[in-house]
């Protein structure tokens, strides 16, 4: 599910602030796994 979410949301990365996106992906993965 964490991998799927990263793939599905990947299209938004190009339009997002890079620092925010990095934080968002990390927090999302942690949330989904734990």
ModelCIF file with pLDDT and N, C-alpha, C, O atoms, coordinates in Angstrom:
data_MODEL
#
_entry.id   MODEL 
#
_entity.id                         1 
_entity.type                       polymer 
_entity.pdbx_number_of_molecules   1 
#
_entity_poly.entity_id                      1 
_entity_poly.type                           'polypeptide(L)' 
_entity_poly.nstd_linkage                   no 
_entity_poly.nstd_monomer                   no 
_entity_poly.pdbx_seq_one_letter_code       
;(UNK)(UNK)(UNK)(UNK)(UNK)(UNK)(UNK)(UNK)(UNK)(UNK)(UNK)(UNK)(UNK)(UNK)(UNK)(UNK)
(UNK)(UNK)(UNK)(UNK)(UNK)(UNK)(UNK)(UNK)(UNK)(UNK)(UNK)(UNK)(UNK)(UNK)(UNK)(UNK)
(UNK)(UNK)
;
_entity_poly.pdbx_seq_one_letter_code_can   XXXXXXXXXXXXXXXXXXXXXXXXXXXXXXXXXX 
_entity_poly.pdbx_strand_id                 A 
#
loop_
_entity_poly_seq.entity_id 
_entity_poly_seq.num 
_entity_poly_seq.mon_id 
_entity_poly_seq.hetero 
1 1  UNK n 
1 2  UNK n 
1 3  UNK n 
1 4  UNK n 
1 5  UNK n 
1 6  UNK n 
1 7  UNK n 
1 8  UNK n 
1 9  UNK n 
1 10 UNK n 
1 11 UNK n 
1 12 UNK n 
1 13 UNK n 
1 14 UNK n 
1 15 UNK n 
1 16 UNK n 
1 17 UNK n 
1 18 UNK n 
1 19 UNK n 
1 20 UNK n 
1 21 UNK n 
1 22 UNK n 
1 23 UNK n 
1 24 UNK n 
1 25 UNK n 
1 26 UNK n 
1 27 UNK n 
1 28 UNK n 
1 29 UNK n 
1 30 UNK n 
1 31 UNK n 
1 32 UNK n 
1 33 UNK n 
1 34 UNK n 
#
_struct_asym.id          A 
_struct_asym.entity_id   1 
#
loop_
_ma_qa_metric.id 
_ma_qa_metric.mode 
_ma_qa_metric.name 
_ma_qa_metric.software_group_id 
_ma_qa_metric.type 
1 global pLDDT . pLDDT 
2 local  pLDDT . pLDDT 
#
_ma_qa_metric_global.metric_id      1 
_ma_qa_metric_global.metric_value   92.03 
_ma_qa_metric_global.model_id       1 
_ma_qa_metric_global.ordinal_id     1 
#
loop_
_ma_qa_metric_local.label_asym_id 
_ma_qa_metric_local.label_comp_id 
_ma_qa_metric_local.label_seq_id 
_ma_qa_metric_local.metric_id 
_ma_qa_metric_local.metric_value 
_ma_qa_metric_local.model_id 
_ma_qa_metric_local.ordinal_id 
A UNK 1  2 98.00 1 1  
A UNK 2  2 98.00 1 2  
A UNK 3  2 98.00 1 3  
A UNK 4  2 98.00 1 4  
A UNK 5  2 97.00 1 5  
A UNK 6  2 96.00 1 6  
A UNK 7  2 97.00 1 7  
A UNK 8  2 96.00 1 8  
A UNK 9  2 95.00 1 9  
A UNK 10 2 93.00 1 10 
A UNK 11 2 90.00 1 11 
A UNK 12 2 90.00 1 12 
A UNK 13 2 89.00 1 13 
A UNK 14 2 90.00 1 14 
A UNK 15 2 86.00 1 15 
A UNK 16 2 85.00 1 16 
A UNK 17 2 83.00 1 17 
A UNK 18 2 85.00 1 18 
A UNK 19 2 81.00 1 19 
A UNK 20 2 81.00 1 20 
A UNK 21 2 87.00 1 21 
A UNK 22 2 88.00 1 22 
A UNK 23 2 86.00 1 23 
A UNK 24 2 88.00 1 24 
A UNK 25 2 94.00 1 25 
A UNK 26 2 94.00 1 26 
A UNK 27 2 92.00 1 27 
A UNK 28 2 95.00 1 28 
A UNK 29 2 97.00 1 29 
A UNK 30 2 96.00 1 30 
A UNK 31 2 95.00 1 31 
A UNK 32 2 97.00 1 32 
A UNK 33 2 97.00 1 33 
A UNK 34 2 97.00 1 34 
#
loop_
_atom_site.group_PDB 
_atom_site.id 
_atom_site.type_symbol 
_atom_site.label_atom_id 
_atom_site.label_alt_id 
_atom_site.label_comp_id 
_atom_site.label_asym_id 
_atom_site.label_entity_id 
_atom_site.label_seq_id 
_atom_site.pdbx_PDB_ins_code 
_atom_site.Cartn_x 
_atom_site.Cartn_y 
_atom_site.Cartn_z 
_atom_site.occupancy 
_atom_site.B_iso_or_equiv 
_atom_site.pdbx_formal_charge 
_atom_site.auth_seq_id 
_atom_site.auth_comp_id 
_atom_site.auth_asym_id 
_atom_site.auth_atom_id 
_atom_site.pdbx_PDB_model_num 
ATOM 1   N N  . UNK A 1 1  ? 0.840  -1.204 0.000   1.00 98.00 ? 1  UNK A N  1 
ATOM 2   C CA . UNK A 1 1  ? 0.000  0.000  0.000   1.00 98.00 ? 1  UNK A CA 1 
ATOM 3   C C  . UNK A 1 1  ? 0.877  1.256  0.000   1.00 98.00 ? 1  UNK A C  1 
ATOM 4   O O  . UNK A 1 1  ? 0.588  2.216  -0.715  1.00 98.00 ? 1  UNK A O  1 
ATOM 5   N N  . UNK A 1 2  ? 1.935  1.248  0.793   1.00 98.00 ? 2  UNK A N  1 
ATOM 6   C CA . UNK A 1 2  ? 2.851  2.397  0.823   1.00 98.00 ? 2  UNK A CA 1 
ATOM 7   C C  . UNK A 1 2  ? 3.494  2.608  -0.544  1.00 98.00 ? 2  UNK A C  1 
ATOM 8   O O  . UNK A 1 2  ? 3.613  3.745  -0.999  1.00 98.00 ? 2  UNK A O  1 
ATOM 9   N N  . UNK A 1 3  ? 3.907  1.533  -1.199  1.00 98.00 ? 3  UNK A N  1 
ATOM 10  C CA . UNK A 1 3  ? 4.501  1.642  -2.540  1.00 98.00 ? 3  UNK A CA 1 
ATOM 11  C C  . UNK A 1 3  ? 3.477  2.146  -3.557  1.00 98.00 ? 3  UNK A C  1 
ATOM 12  O O  . UNK A 1 3  ? 3.783  3.010  -4.379  1.00 98.00 ? 3  UNK A O  1 
ATOM 13  N N  . UNK A 1 4  ? 2.273  1.607  -3.496  1.00 98.00 ? 4  UNK A N  1 
ATOM 14  C CA . UNK A 1 4  ? 1.197  2.042  -4.399  1.00 98.00 ? 4  UNK A CA 1 
ATOM 15  C C  . UNK A 1 4  ? 0.917  3.531  -4.218  1.00 98.00 ? 4  UNK A C  1 
ATOM 16  O O  . UNK A 1 4  ? 0.773  4.265  -5.196  1.00 98.00 ? 4  UNK A O  1 
ATOM 17  N N  . UNK A 1 5  ? 0.840  3.975  -2.964  1.00 97.00 ? 5  UNK A N  1 
ATOM 18  C CA . UNK A 1 5  ? 0.546  5.384  -2.679  1.00 97.00 ? 5  UNK A CA 1 
ATOM 19  C C  . UNK A 1 5  ? 1.631  6.289  -3.257  1.00 97.00 ? 5  UNK A C  1 
ATOM 20  O O  . UNK A 1 5  ? 1.327  7.327  -3.846  1.00 97.00 ? 5  UNK A O  1 
ATOM 21  N N  . UNK A 1 6  ? 2.878  5.902  -3.092  1.00 96.00 ? 6  UNK A N  1 
ATOM 22  C CA . UNK A 1 6  ? 3.973  6.696  -3.651  1.00 96.00 ? 6  UNK A CA 1 
ATOM 23  C C  . UNK A 1 6  ? 3.855  6.781  -5.178  1.00 96.00 ? 6  UNK A C  1 
ATOM 24  O O  . UNK A 1 6  ? 4.047  7.847  -5.761  1.00 96.00 ? 6  UNK A O  1 
ATOM 25  N N  . UNK A 1 7  ? 3.540  5.660  -5.812  1.00 97.00 ? 7  UNK A N  1 
ATOM 26  C CA . UNK A 1 7  ? 3.382  5.649  -7.275  1.00 97.00 ? 7  UNK A CA 1 
ATOM 27  C C  . UNK A 1 7  ? 2.194  6.508  -7.702  1.00 97.00 ? 7  UNK A C  1 
ATOM 28  O O  . UNK A 1 7  ? 2.309  7.317  -8.622  1.00 97.00 ? 7  UNK A O  1 
ATOM 29  N N  . UNK A 1 8  ? 1.060  6.332  -7.036  1.00 96.00 ? 8  UNK A N  1 
ATOM 30  C CA . UNK A 1 8  ? -0.158 7.059  -7.415  1.00 96.00 ? 8  UNK A CA 1 
ATOM 31  C C  . UNK A 1 8  ? -0.011 8.564  -7.228  1.00 96.00 ? 8  UNK A C  1 
ATOM 32  O O  . UNK A 1 8  ? -0.530 9.343  -8.026  1.00 96.00 ? 8  UNK A O  1 
ATOM 33  N N  . UNK A 1 9  ? 0.693  8.973  -6.179  1.00 95.00 ? 9  UNK A N  1 
ATOM 34  C CA . UNK A 1 9  ? 0.851  10.399 -5.888  1.00 95.00 ? 9  UNK A CA 1 
ATOM 35  C C  . UNK A 1 9  ? 2.062  11.011 -6.592  1.00 95.00 ? 9  UNK A C  1 
ATOM 36  O O  . UNK A 1 9  ? 2.265  12.224 -6.536  1.00 95.00 ? 9  UNK A O  1 
ATOM 37  N N  . UNK A 1 10 ? 2.854  10.191 -7.244  1.00 93.00 ? 10 UNK A N  1 
ATOM 38  C CA . UNK A 1 10 ? 4.069  10.668 -7.898  1.00 93.00 ? 10 UNK A CA 1 
ATOM 39  C C  . UNK A 1 10 ? 3.853  11.789 -8.893  1.00 93.00 ? 10 UNK A C  1 
ATOM 40  O O  . UNK A 1 10 ? 4.733  12.630 -9.074  1.00 93.00 ? 10 UNK A O  1 
ATOM 41  N N  . UNK A 1 11 ? 2.705  11.817 -9.537  1.00 90.00 ? 11 UNK A N  1 
ATOM 42  C CA . UNK A 1 11 ? 2.427  12.854 -10.530 1.00 90.00 ? 11 UNK A CA 1 
ATOM 43  C C  . UNK A 1 11 ? 2.396  14.253 -9.932  1.00 90.00 ? 11 UNK A C  1 
ATOM 44  O O  . UNK A 1 11 ? 2.570  15.235 -10.654 1.00 90.00 ? 11 UNK A O  1 
ATOM 45  N N  . UNK A 1 12 ? 2.175  14.360 -8.617  1.00 90.00 ? 12 UNK A N  1 
ATOM 46  C CA . UNK A 1 12 ? 2.086  15.670 -7.980  1.00 90.00 ? 12 UNK A CA 1 
ATOM 47  C C  . UNK A 1 12 ? 3.446  16.241 -7.599  1.00 90.00 ? 12 UNK A C  1 
ATOM 48  O O  . UNK A 1 12 ? 3.559  17.435 -7.323  1.00 90.00 ? 12 UNK A O  1 
ATOM 49  N N  . UNK A 1 13 ? 4.459  15.418 -7.581  1.00 89.00 ? 13 UNK A N  1 
ATOM 50  C CA . UNK A 1 13 ? 5.785  15.842 -7.118  1.00 89.00 ? 13 UNK A CA 1 
ATOM 51  C C  . UNK A 1 13 ? 6.340  17.004 -7.935  1.00 89.00 ? 13 UNK A C  1 
ATOM 52  O O  . UNK A 1 13 ? 6.965  17.909 -7.383  1.00 89.00 ? 13 UNK A O  1 
ATOM 53  N N  . UNK A 1 14 ? 6.116  16.982 -9.242  1.00 90.00 ? 14 UNK A N  1 
ATOM 54  C CA . UNK A 1 14 ? 6.695  18.021 -10.111 1.00 90.00 ? 14 UNK A CA 1 
ATOM 55  C C  . UNK A 1 14 ? 6.118  19.407 -9.827  1.00 90.00 ? 14 UNK A C  1 
ATOM 56  O O  . UNK A 1 14 ? 6.766  20.413 -10.115 1.00 90.00 ? 14 UNK A O  1 
ATOM 57  N N  . UNK A 1 15 ? 4.915  19.472 -9.271  1.00 86.00 ? 15 UNK A N  1 
ATOM 58  C CA . UNK A 1 15 ? 4.266  20.757 -9.004  1.00 86.00 ? 15 UNK A CA 1 
ATOM 59  C C  . UNK A 1 15 ? 4.357  21.185 -7.543  1.00 86.00 ? 15 UNK A C  1 
ATOM 60  O O  . UNK A 1 15 ? 3.864  22.251 -7.174  1.00 86.00 ? 15 UNK A O  1 
ATOM 61  N N  . UNK A 1 16 ? 4.984  20.358 -6.715  1.00 85.00 ? 16 UNK A N  1 
ATOM 62  C CA . UNK A 1 16 ? 5.063  20.649 -5.282  1.00 85.00 ? 16 UNK A CA 1 
ATOM 63  C C  . UNK A 1 16 ? 6.443  21.181 -4.909  1.00 85.00 ? 16 UNK A C  1 
ATOM 64  O O  . UNK A 1 16 ? 7.432  20.940 -5.601  1.00 85.00 ? 16 UNK A O  1 
ATOM 65  N N  . UNK A 1 17 ? 6.481  21.905 -3.804  1.00 83.00 ? 17 UNK A N  1 
ATOM 66  C CA . UNK A 1 17 ? 7.744  22.346 -3.243  1.00 83.00 ? 17 UNK A CA 1 
ATOM 67  C C  . UNK A 1 17 ? 8.573  21.098 -2.919  1.00 83.00 ? 17 UNK A C  1 
ATOM 68  O O  . UNK A 1 17 ? 8.079  20.206 -2.229  1.00 83.00 ? 17 UNK A O  1 
ATOM 69  N N  . UNK A 1 18 ? 9.821  21.010 -3.398  1.00 85.00 ? 18 UNK A N  1 
ATOM 70  C CA . UNK A 1 18 ? 10.621 19.794 -3.203  1.00 85.00 ? 18 UNK A CA 1 
ATOM 71  C C  . UNK A 1 18 ? 10.833 19.415 -1.731  1.00 85.00 ? 18 UNK A C  1 
ATOM 72  O O  . UNK A 1 18 ? 10.784 18.234 -1.388  1.00 85.00 ? 18 UNK A O  1 
ATOM 73  N N  . UNK A 1 19 ? 11.065 20.395 -0.869  1.00 81.00 ? 19 UNK A N  1 
ATOM 74  C CA . UNK A 1 19 ? 11.255 20.084 0.550   1.00 81.00 ? 19 UNK A CA 1 
ATOM 75  C C  . UNK A 1 19 ? 9.973  19.544 1.167   1.00 81.00 ? 19 UNK A C  1 
ATOM 76  O O  . UNK A 1 19 ? 9.996  18.585 1.937   1.00 81.00 ? 19 UNK A O  1 
ATOM 77  N N  . UNK A 1 20 ? 8.855  20.174 0.817   1.00 81.00 ? 20 UNK A N  1 
ATOM 78  C CA . UNK A 1 20 ? 7.566  19.700 1.312   1.00 81.00 ? 20 UNK A CA 1 
ATOM 79  C C  . UNK A 1 20 ? 7.314  18.284 0.810   1.00 81.00 ? 20 UNK A C  1 
ATOM 80  O O  . UNK A 1 20 ? 6.897  17.416 1.576   1.00 81.00 ? 20 UNK A O  1 
ATOM 81  N N  . UNK A 1 21 ? 7.566  18.048 -0.478  1.00 87.00 ? 21 UNK A N  1 
ATOM 82  C CA . UNK A 1 21 ? 7.248  16.740 -1.050  1.00 87.00 ? 21 UNK A CA 1 
ATOM 83  C C  . UNK A 1 21 ? 8.078  15.631 -0.400  1.00 87.00 ? 21 UNK A C  1 
ATOM 84  O O  . UNK A 1 21 ? 7.563  14.547 -0.128  1.00 87.00 ? 21 UNK A O  1 
ATOM 85  N N  . UNK A 1 22 ? 9.321  15.895 -0.160  1.00 88.00 ? 22 UNK A N  1 
ATOM 86  C CA . UNK A 1 22 ? 10.175 14.912 0.495   1.00 88.00 ? 22 UNK A CA 1 
ATOM 87  C C  . UNK A 1 22 ? 9.636  14.574 1.888   1.00 88.00 ? 22 UNK A C  1 
ATOM 88  O O  . UNK A 1 22 ? 9.559  13.405 2.262   1.00 88.00 ? 22 UNK A O  1 
ATOM 89  N N  . UNK A 1 23 ? 9.267  15.601 2.646   1.00 86.00 ? 23 UNK A N  1 
ATOM 90  C CA . UNK A 1 23 ? 8.692  15.410 3.974   1.00 86.00 ? 23 UNK A CA 1 
ATOM 91  C C  . UNK A 1 23 ? 7.368  14.643 3.873   1.00 86.00 ? 23 UNK A C  1 
ATOM 92  O O  . UNK A 1 23 ? 7.117  13.725 4.654   1.00 86.00 ? 23 UNK A O  1 
ATOM 93  N N  . UNK A 1 24 ? 6.531  15.022 2.914   1.00 88.00 ? 24 UNK A N  1 
ATOM 94  C CA . UNK A 1 24 ? 5.214  14.398 2.736   1.00 88.00 ? 24 UNK A CA 1 
ATOM 95  C C  . UNK A 1 24 ? 5.356  12.908 2.431   1.00 88.00 ? 24 UNK A C  1 
ATOM 96  O O  . UNK A 1 24 ? 4.668  12.083 3.034   1.00 88.00 ? 24 UNK A O  1 
ATOM 97  N N  . UNK A 1 25 ? 6.239  12.561 1.504   1.00 94.00 ? 25 UNK A N  1 
ATOM 98  C CA . UNK A 1 25 ? 6.436  11.147 1.159   1.00 94.00 ? 25 UNK A CA 1 
ATOM 99  C C  . UNK A 1 25 ? 6.939  10.348 2.358   1.00 94.00 ? 25 UNK A C  1 
ATOM 100 O O  . UNK A 1 25 ? 6.482  9.231  2.600   1.00 94.00 ? 25 UNK A O  1 
ATOM 101 N N  . UNK A 1 26 ? 7.865  10.911 3.093   1.00 94.00 ? 26 UNK A N  1 
ATOM 102 C CA . UNK A 1 26 ? 8.425  10.224 4.256   1.00 94.00 ? 26 UNK A CA 1 
ATOM 103 C C  . UNK A 1 26 ? 7.361  10.001 5.333   1.00 94.00 ? 26 UNK A C  1 
ATOM 104 O O  . UNK A 1 26 ? 7.239  8.902  5.874   1.00 94.00 ? 26 UNK A O  1 
ATOM 105 N N  . UNK A 1 27 ? 6.602  11.039 5.637   1.00 92.00 ? 27 UNK A N  1 
ATOM 106 C CA . UNK A 1 27 ? 5.562  10.925 6.663   1.00 92.00 ? 27 UNK A CA 1 
ATOM 107 C C  . UNK A 1 27 ? 4.454  9.974  6.226   1.00 92.00 ? 27 UNK A C  1 
ATOM 108 O O  . UNK A 1 27 ? 3.929  9.207  7.034   1.00 92.00 ? 27 UNK A O  1 
ATOM 109 N N  . UNK A 1 28 ? 4.105  10.028 4.945   1.00 95.00 ? 28 UNK A N  1 
ATOM 110 C CA . UNK A 1 28 ? 3.061  9.152  4.420   1.00 95.00 ? 28 UNK A CA 1 
ATOM 111 C C  . UNK A 1 28 ? 3.479  7.694  4.536   1.00 95.00 ? 28 UNK A C  1 
ATOM 112 O O  . UNK A 1 28 ? 2.704  6.855  4.995   1.00 95.00 ? 28 UNK A O  1 
ATOM 113 N N  . UNK A 1 29 ? 4.706  7.393  4.121   1.00 97.00 ? 29 UNK A N  1 
ATOM 114 C CA . UNK A 1 29 ? 5.195  6.009  4.204   1.00 97.00 ? 29 UNK A CA 1 
ATOM 115 C C  . UNK A 1 29 ? 5.213  5.532  5.654   1.00 97.00 ? 29 UNK A C  1 
ATOM 116 O O  . UNK A 1 29 ? 4.785  4.417  5.950   1.00 97.00 ? 29 UNK A O  1 
ATOM 117 N N  . UNK A 1 30 ? 5.710  6.381  6.558   1.00 96.00 ? 30 UNK A N  1 
ATOM 118 C CA . UNK A 1 30 ? 5.762  6.017  7.967   1.00 96.00 ? 30 UNK A CA 1 
ATOM 119 C C  . UNK A 1 30 ? 4.355  5.741  8.505   1.00 96.00 ? 30 UNK A C  1 
ATOM 120 O O  . UNK A 1 30 ? 4.141  4.758  9.214   1.00 96.00 ? 30 UNK A O  1 
ATOM 121 N N  . UNK A 1 31 ? 3.415  6.595  8.173   1.00 95.00 ? 31 UNK A N  1 
ATOM 122 C CA . UNK A 1 31 ? 2.031  6.429  8.604   1.00 95.00 ? 31 UNK A CA 1 
ATOM 123 C C  . UNK A 1 31 ? 1.476  5.094  8.113   1.00 95.00 ? 31 UNK A C  1 
ATOM 124 O O  . UNK A 1 31 ? 0.907  4.326  8.889   1.00 95.00 ? 31 UNK A O  1 
ATOM 125 N N  . UNK A 1 32 ? 1.645  4.825  6.821   1.00 97.00 ? 32 UNK A N  1 
ATOM 126 C CA . UNK A 1 32 ? 1.080  3.609  6.238   1.00 97.00 ? 32 UNK A CA 1 
ATOM 127 C C  . UNK A 1 32 ? 1.718  2.334  6.779   1.00 97.00 ? 32 UNK A C  1 
ATOM 128 O O  . UNK A 1 32 ? 1.054  1.303  6.885   1.00 97.00 ? 32 UNK A O  1 
ATOM 129 N N  . UNK A 1 33 ? 2.983  2.401  7.118   1.00 97.00 ? 33 UNK A N  1 
ATOM 130 C CA . UNK A 1 33 ? 3.681  1.211  7.605   1.00 97.00 ? 33 UNK A CA 1 
ATOM 131 C C  . UNK A 1 33 ? 3.506  0.969  9.098   1.00 97.00 ? 33 UNK A C  1 
ATOM 132 O O  . UNK A 1 33 ? 3.624  -0.167 9.556   1.00 97.00 ? 33 UNK A O  1 
ATOM 133 N N  . UNK A 1 34 ? 3.225  2.021  9.865   1.00 97.00 ? 34 UNK A N  1 
ATOM 134 C CA . UNK A 1 34 ? 3.317  1.884  11.310  1.00 97.00 ? 34 UNK A CA 1 
ATOM 135 C C  . UNK A 1 34 ? 2.082  2.232  12.133  1.00 97.00 ? 34 UNK A C  1 
ATOM 136 O O  . UNK A 1 34 ? 2.109  2.133  13.359  1.00 97.00 ? 34 UNK A O  1 
#
